[in-house]
């Protein structure tokens, strides 16, 4: 059952300028492995993390560096969540997070679907 949907769009040029002005943002937003990526890939990961927060219904208990976008062997992007962020995902009954990302024409976008295995009873 779908319990949340999130989407985000990032202007890659604007994102790059922000990172140039405030390099410490890289440490606040991305895992050490992610920080090695090109700016367009970081912009897509930023969009993915924003979309995840939207799909979760808010950022309470969520920490950016506890969300890492990791590719499967096939290249498909996947979230690896740890710490209190993993606790938030579990507490909300989310069992699967679906992620799609893309970057082209100066824009990066991400779409997230949060899914739960349990059906909520109507009250």
Foldseek 3Di string as FASTA:
>chain_A
DWQFKFKFKDQLVVQVVVCVVPVCVCVQAEEPVQSVDDSQSVQQLSRAVRRVCRRLVHCVQHGRHQWHWDADPVRQTATRGDDSNVVSLVVVQFDGKHKDWDDDPRMIMMMIITDHPDDDDDD
